[in-house]
Amino acid sequence: MSNAFSGRGNLGAAPTLRHAERGGESTPVTNLRIFFDRPKPDGNGGFEDKGGFWLDVALWGPRAEQAARLLPKGARVHVEGELFESTWSDRETGEERSRLEVRATAVDLDLARVEDVTFRRRDDSAGATDA
Protein backbone atom coordinates (compact mmCIF):
# COMPACT_ATOMS: atom_id res chain seq x y z
CA MET A 1 0.00 0.00 0.00
CA SER A 2 1.31 3.47 -0.83
CA ASN A 3 0.91 6.83 0.87
CA ALA A 4 0.94 10.36 -0.53
CA PHE A 5 4.04 12.36 0.36
CA SER A 6 4.82 16.07 0.02
CA GLY A 7 7.84 17.75 1.57
CA ARG A 8 10.61 20.35 1.22
CA GLY A 9 14.24 19.65 1.84
CA ASN A 10 17.85 19.94 0.74
CA LEU A 11 19.82 17.55 -1.46
CA GLY A 12 22.52 15.91 0.65
CA ALA A 13 24.49 14.84 -2.43
CA ALA A 14 24.47 15.42 -6.16
CA PRO A 15 21.74 13.39 -7.92
CA THR A 16 22.78 10.14 -9.58
CA LEU A 17 21.33 9.18 -12.95
CA ARG A 18 21.08 5.60 -14.18
CA HIS A 19 18.99 3.71 -16.72
CA ALA A 20 16.78 0.79 -15.76
CA GLU A 21 14.95 -1.74 -17.91
CA ARG A 22 11.23 -1.10 -17.67
CA GLY A 23 8.79 -2.82 -20.00
CA GLY A 24 11.63 -3.88 -22.28
CA GLU A 25 12.90 -0.30 -22.65
CA SER A 26 15.68 1.64 -20.99
CA THR A 27 14.16 4.30 -18.72
CA PRO A 28 16.11 7.04 -16.92
CA VAL A 29 15.86 7.16 -13.13
CA THR A 30 17.53 9.70 -10.86
CA ASN A 31 18.20 8.89 -7.23
CA LEU A 32 18.23 11.75 -4.73
CA ARG A 33 19.16 11.75 -1.04
CA ILE A 34 17.17 14.53 0.64
CA PHE A 35 17.03 15.88 4.20
CA PHE A 36 13.46 17.00 4.91
CA ASP A 37 13.65 19.57 7.69
CA ARG A 38 10.95 21.13 9.84
CA PRO A 39 11.66 24.85 10.30
CA LYS A 40 9.09 26.68 12.42
CA PRO A 41 8.77 30.48 12.86
CA ASP A 42 10.50 31.58 16.08
CA GLY A 43 8.38 34.74 16.56
CA ASN A 44 11.34 37.06 15.88
CA GLY A 45 11.29 36.91 12.09
CA GLY A 46 13.54 33.85 11.96
CA PHE A 47 13.07 30.10 12.06
CA GLU A 48 13.84 27.41 14.61
CA ASP A 49 14.84 23.91 13.49
CA LYS A 50 12.39 21.30 14.78
CA GLY A 51 14.30 18.29 13.48
CA GLY A 52 13.93 16.37 10.26
CA PHE A 53 14.70 13.12 8.49
CA TRP A 54 16.54 11.68 5.48
CA LEU A 55 14.73 9.93 2.63
CA ASP A 56 15.86 8.40 -0.63
CA VAL A 57 13.85 9.71 -3.59
CA ALA A 58 13.58 8.14 -7.06
CA LEU A 59 12.38 10.18 -10.04
CA TRP A 60 11.66 8.30 -13.28
CA GLY A 61 11.40 9.37 -16.94
CA PRO A 62 12.42 12.53 -18.80
CA ARG A 63 12.28 14.64 -15.63
CA ALA A 64 14.90 12.34 -14.12
CA GLU A 65 17.46 13.44 -16.70
CA GLN A 66 16.67 17.13 -16.13
CA ALA A 67 16.91 16.77 -12.35
CA ALA A 68 20.28 15.02 -12.61
CA ARG A 69 21.59 17.73 -14.93
CA LEU A 70 20.25 20.78 -13.10
CA LEU A 71 20.15 20.09 -9.36
CA PRO A 72 23.38 20.53 -7.37
CA LYS A 73 24.13 19.22 -3.89
CA GLY A 74 22.44 21.48 -1.34
CA ALA A 75 19.60 22.57 -3.66
CA ARG A 76 16.32 23.25 -1.88
CA VAL A 77 13.53 21.23 -3.49
CA HIS A 78 9.86 20.36 -3.07
CA VAL A 79 9.01 16.69 -3.63
CA GLU A 80 5.63 15.08 -4.27
CA GLY A 81 5.06 11.38 -4.68
CA GLU A 82 4.30 8.17 -2.83
CA LEU A 83 6.03 6.61 0.16
CA PHE A 84 7.05 2.99 -0.26
CA GLU A 85 8.78 0.53 2.02
CA SER A 86 11.53 -1.45 0.33
CA THR A 87 12.65 -4.74 1.86
CA TRP A 88 15.66 -6.94 1.09
CA SER A 89 17.95 -9.51 2.67
CA ASP A 90 21.36 -8.34 3.83
CA ARG A 91 24.05 -10.11 1.74
CA GLU A 92 26.41 -10.59 4.68
CA THR A 93 24.05 -11.52 7.52
CA GLY A 94 20.96 -12.70 5.65
CA GLU A 95 18.84 -10.48 7.91
CA GLU A 96 15.78 -8.80 6.47
CA ARG A 97 16.21 -5.04 6.08
CA SER A 98 13.78 -2.30 5.12
CA ARG A 99 13.64 1.43 4.49
CA LEU A 100 11.14 4.06 3.42
CA GLU A 101 11.65 5.80 0.11
CA VAL A 102 9.71 8.20 -2.10
CA ARG A 103 8.79 7.44 -5.70
CA ALA A 104 8.45 11.03 -6.87
CA THR A 105 5.91 12.29 -9.36
CA ALA A 106 7.43 15.80 -9.16
CA VAL A 107 10.63 17.40 -7.90
CA ASP A 108 10.54 21.20 -8.08
CA LEU A 109 13.24 23.72 -7.28
CA ASP A 110 12.40 25.98 -4.32
CA LEU A 111 12.73 29.49 -5.75
CA ALA A 112 13.66 31.08 -2.40
CA ARG A 113 17.33 30.20 -3.00
CA VAL A 114 17.57 30.76 -6.76
CA GLU A 115 19.56 33.75 -8.04
CA ASP A 116 19.30 33.24 -11.79
CA VAL A 117 17.17 31.26 -14.25
CA THR A 118 17.86 30.64 -17.92
CA PHE A 119 15.11 29.19 -20.11
CA ARG A 120 15.86 27.27 -23.27
CA ARG A 121 14.13 28.51 -26.38
CA ARG A 122 11.02 26.74 -27.46
CA ASP A 123 11.54 24.81 -30.70
CA ASP A 124 8.77 26.28 -32.87
CA SER A 125 9.50 23.85 -35.71
CA ALA A 126 8.62 20.76 -33.61
CA GLY A 127 4.91 21.05 -34.32
CA ALA A 128 5.09 22.59 -37.77
CA THR A 129 3.76 20.71 -40.77
CA ASP A 130 4.02 21.41 -44.48
CA ALA A 131 0.75 22.38 -46.18
C-alpha atoms as a PDB file:
ATOM      1  CA  MET A   1       0.000   0.000   0.000  1.00  0.00           C
ATOM      2  CA  SER A   2       1.305   3.467  -0.830  1.00  0.00           C
ATOM      3  CA  ASN A   3       0.905   6.826   0.867  1.00  0.00           C
ATOM      4  CA  ALA A   4       0.940  10.356  -0.529  1.00  0.00           C
ATOM      5  CA  PHE A   5       4.039  12.363   0.361  1.00  0.00           C
ATOM      6  CA  SER A   6       4.818  16.067   0.023  1.00  0.00           C
ATOM      7  CA  GLY A   7       7.841  17.752   1.568  1.00  0.00           C
ATOM      8  CA  ARG A   8      10.610  20.345   1.224  1.00  0.00           C
ATOM      9  CA  GLY A   9      14.237  19.651   1.844  1.00  0.00           C
ATOM     10  CA  ASN A  10      17.850  19.938   0.735  1.00  0.00           C
ATOM     11  CA  LEU A  11      19.822  17.551  -1.462  1.00  0.00           C
ATOM     12  CA  GLY A  12      22.522  15.915   0.654  1.00  0.00           C
ATOM     13  CA  ALA A  13      24.487  14.841  -2.428  1.00  0.00           C
ATOM     14  CA  ALA A  14      24.466  15.419  -6.158  1.00  0.00           C
ATOM     15  CA  PRO A  15      21.735  13.395  -7.918  1.00  0.00           C
ATOM     16  CA  THR A  16      22.781  10.142  -9.581  1.00  0.00           C
ATOM     17  CA  LEU A  17      21.325   9.175 -12.953  1.00  0.00           C
ATOM     18  CA  ARG A  18      21.082   5.598 -14.185  1.00  0.00           C
ATOM     19  CA  HIS A  19      18.991   3.714 -16.718  1.00  0.00           C
ATOM     20  CA  ALA A  20      16.776   0.786 -15.762  1.00  0.00           C
ATOM     21  CA  GLU A  21      14.954  -1.743 -17.915  1.00  0.00           C
ATOM     22  CA  ARG A  22      11.227  -1.104 -17.667  1.00  0.00           C
ATOM     23  CA  GLY A  23       8.790  -2.824 -19.995  1.00  0.00           C
ATOM     24  CA  GLY A  24      11.633  -3.883 -22.280  1.00  0.00           C
ATOM     25  CA  GLU A  25      12.899  -0.302 -22.654  1.00  0.00           C
ATOM     26  CA  SER A  26      15.682   1.644 -20.986  1.00  0.00           C
ATOM     27  CA  THR A  27      14.162   4.304 -18.723  1.00  0.00           C
ATOM     28  CA  PRO A  28      16.114   7.040 -16.923  1.00  0.00           C
ATOM     29  CA  VAL A  29      15.863   7.163 -13.127  1.00  0.00           C
ATOM     30  CA  THR A  30      17.535   9.696 -10.864  1.00  0.00           C
ATOM     31  CA  ASN A  31      18.197   8.895  -7.229  1.00  0.00           C
ATOM     32  CA  LEU A  32      18.234  11.753  -4.727  1.00  0.00           C
ATOM     33  CA  ARG A  33      19.157  11.753  -1.036  1.00  0.00           C
ATOM     34  CA  ILE A  34      17.172  14.535   0.642  1.00  0.00           C
ATOM     35  CA  PHE A  35      17.026  15.876   4.204  1.00  0.00           C
ATOM     36  CA  PHE A  36      13.462  16.996   4.907  1.00  0.00           C
ATOM     37  CA  ASP A  37      13.645  19.568   7.692  1.00  0.00           C
ATOM     38  CA  ARG A  38      10.950  21.127   9.839  1.00  0.00           C
ATOM     39  CA  PRO A  39      11.665  24.846  10.304  1.00  0.00           C
ATOM     40  CA  LYS A  40       9.086  26.681  12.418  1.00  0.00           C
ATOM     41  CA  PRO A  41       8.772  30.481  12.857  1.00  0.00           C
ATOM     42  CA  ASP A  42      10.503  31.581  16.084  1.00  0.00           C
ATOM     43  CA  GLY A  43       8.382  34.740  16.559  1.00  0.00           C
ATOM     44  CA  ASN A  44      11.343  37.056  15.884  1.00  0.00           C
ATOM     45  CA  GLY A  45      11.293  36.911  12.087  1.00  0.00           C
ATOM     46  CA  GLY A  46      13.539  33.846  11.956  1.00  0.00           C
ATOM     47  CA  PHE A  47      13.068  30.104  12.063  1.00  0.00           C
ATOM     48  CA  GLU A  48      13.836  27.407  14.608  1.00  0.00           C
ATOM     49  CA  ASP A  49      14.840  23.914  13.491  1.00  0.00           C
ATOM     50  CA  LYS A  50      12.392  21.298  14.779  1.00  0.00           C
ATOM     51  CA  GLY A  51      14.301  18.290  13.483  1.00  0.00           C
ATOM     52  CA  GLY A  52      13.935  16.374  10.264  1.00  0.00           C
ATOM     53  CA  PHE A  53      14.703  13.122   8.490  1.00  0.00           C
ATOM     54  CA  TRP A  54      16.544  11.681   5.476  1.00  0.00           C
ATOM     55  CA  LEU A  55      14.730   9.929   2.628  1.00  0.00           C
ATOM     56  CA  ASP A  56      15.862   8.398  -0.633  1.00  0.00           C
ATOM     57  CA  VAL A  57      13.847   9.710  -3.587  1.00  0.00           C
ATOM     58  CA  ALA A  58      13.576   8.137  -7.057  1.00  0.00           C
ATOM     59  CA  LEU A  59      12.380  10.180 -10.037  1.00  0.00           C
ATOM     60  CA  TRP A  60      11.656   8.304 -13.285  1.00  0.00           C
ATOM     61  CA  GLY A  61      11.395   9.369 -16.936  1.00  0.00           C
ATOM     62  CA  PRO A  62      12.422  12.526 -18.803  1.00  0.00           C
ATOM     63  CA  ARG A  63      12.280  14.640 -15.633  1.00  0.00           C
ATOM     64  CA  ALA A  64      14.900  12.345 -14.120  1.00  0.00           C
ATOM     65  CA  GLU A  65      17.463  13.443 -16.702  1.00  0.00           C
ATOM     66  CA  GLN A  66      16.667  17.128 -16.134  1.00  0.00           C
ATOM     67  CA  ALA A  67      16.911  16.767 -12.347  1.00  0.00           C
ATOM     68  CA  ALA A  68      20.283  15.020 -12.609  1.00  0.00           C
ATOM     69  CA  ARG A  69      21.593  17.726 -14.932  1.00  0.00           C
ATOM     70  CA  LEU A  70      20.246  20.784 -13.103  1.00  0.00           C
ATOM     71  CA  LEU A  71      20.149  20.090  -9.364  1.00  0.00           C
ATOM     72  CA  PRO A  72      23.379  20.526  -7.372  1.00  0.00           C
ATOM     73  CA  LYS A  73      24.132  19.216  -3.890  1.00  0.00           C
ATOM     74  CA  GLY A  74      22.436  21.484  -1.345  1.00  0.00           C
ATOM     75  CA  ALA A  75      19.596  22.570  -3.662  1.00  0.00           C
ATOM     76  CA  ARG A  76      16.323  23.251  -1.876  1.00  0.00           C
ATOM     77  CA  VAL A  77      13.529  21.229  -3.494  1.00  0.00           C
ATOM     78  CA  HIS A  78       9.863  20.362  -3.070  1.00  0.00           C
ATOM     79  CA  VAL A  79       9.009  16.688  -3.627  1.00  0.00           C
ATOM     80  CA  GLU A  80       5.632  15.080  -4.269  1.00  0.00           C
ATOM     81  CA  GLY A  81       5.063  11.378  -4.683  1.00  0.00           C
ATOM     82  CA  GLU A  82       4.301   8.175  -2.828  1.00  0.00           C
ATOM     83  CA  LEU A  83       6.032   6.611   0.159  1.00  0.00           C
ATOM     84  CA  PHE A  84       7.052   2.986  -0.255  1.00  0.00           C
ATOM     85  CA  GLU A  85       8.783   0.534   2.024  1.00  0.00           C
ATOM     86  CA  SER A  86      11.533  -1.448   0.326  1.00  0.00           C
ATOM     87  CA  THR A  87      12.648  -4.736   1.860  1.00  0.00           C
ATOM     88  CA  TRP A  88      15.660  -6.936   1.086  1.00  0.00           C
ATOM     89  CA  SER A  89      17.950  -9.511   2.669  1.00  0.00           C
ATOM     90  CA  ASP A  90      21.363  -8.342   3.827  1.00  0.00           C
ATOM     91  CA  ARG A  91      24.049 -10.108   1.739  1.00  0.00           C
ATOM     92  CA  GLU A  92      26.411 -10.589   4.682  1.00  0.00           C
ATOM     93  CA  THR A  93      24.054 -11.521   7.515  1.00  0.00           C
ATOM     94  CA  GLY A  94      20.957 -12.696   5.646  1.00  0.00           C
ATOM     95  CA  GLU A  95      18.841 -10.478   7.911  1.00  0.00           C
ATOM     96  CA  GLU A  96      15.780  -8.804   6.468  1.00  0.00           C
ATOM     97  CA  ARG A  97      16.209  -5.040   6.076  1.00  0.00           C
ATOM     98  CA  SER A  98      13.777  -2.299   5.122  1.00  0.00           C
ATOM     99  CA  ARG A  99      13.640   1.429   4.495  1.00  0.00           C
ATOM    100  CA  LEU A 100      11.141   4.063   3.421  1.00  0.00           C
ATOM    101  CA  GLU A 101      11.652   5.799   0.105  1.00  0.00           C
ATOM    102  CA  VAL A 102       9.709   8.201  -2.099  1.00  0.00           C
ATOM    103  CA  ARG A 103       8.795   7.444  -5.698  1.00  0.00           C
ATOM    104  CA  ALA A 104       8.454  11.029  -6.867  1.00  0.00           C
ATOM    105  CA  THR A 105       5.906  12.290  -9.360  1.00  0.00           C
ATOM    106  CA  ALA A 106       7.427  15.800  -9.162  1.00  0.00           C
ATOM    107  CA  VAL A 107      10.633  17.403  -7.896  1.00  0.00           C
ATOM    108  CA  ASP A 108      10.535  21.198  -8.079  1.00  0.00           C
ATOM    109  CA  LEU A 109      13.242  23.718  -7.281  1.00  0.00           C
ATOM    110  CA  ASP A 110      12.396  25.977  -4.321  1.00  0.00           C
ATOM    111  CA  LEU A 111      12.733  29.492  -5.747  1.00  0.00           C
ATOM    112  CA  ALA A 112      13.656  31.084  -2.403  1.00  0.00           C
ATOM    113  CA  ARG A 113      17.326  30.199  -2.998  1.00  0.00           C
ATOM    114  CA  VAL A 114      17.570  30.765  -6.760  1.00  0.00           C
ATOM    115  CA  GLU A 115      19.563  33.751  -8.040  1.00  0.00           C
ATOM    116  CA  ASP A 116      19.296  33.238 -11.794  1.00  0.00           C
ATOM    117  CA  VAL A 117      17.167  31.262 -14.253  1.00  0.00           C
ATOM    118  CA  THR A 118      17.858  30.638 -17.922  1.00  0.00           C
ATOM    119  CA  PHE A 119      15.113  29.185 -20.111  1.00  0.00           C
ATOM    120  CA  ARG A 120      15.857  27.267 -23.271  1.00  0.00           C
ATOM    121  CA  ARG A 121      14.135  28.510 -26.383  1.00  0.00           C
ATOM    122  CA  ARG A 122      11.024  26.743 -27.462  1.00  0.00           C
ATOM    123  CA  ASP A 123      11.538  24.810 -30.698  1.00  0.00           C
ATOM    124  CA  ASP A 124       8.774  26.276 -32.874  1.00  0.00           C
ATOM    125  CA  SER A 125       9.505  23.850 -35.707  1.00  0.00           C
ATOM    126  CA  ALA A 126       8.621  20.763 -33.614  1.00  0.00           C
ATOM    127  CA  GLY A 127       4.906  21.047 -34.317  1.00  0.00           C
ATOM    128  CA  ALA A 128       5.090  22.592 -37.772  1.00  0.00           C
ATOM    129  CA  THR A 129       3.756  20.714 -40.767  1.00  0.00           C
ATOM    130  CA  ASP A 130       4.018  21.409 -44.483  1.00  0.00           C
ATOM    131  CA  ALA A 131       0.753  22.383 -46.178  1.00  0.00           C
END
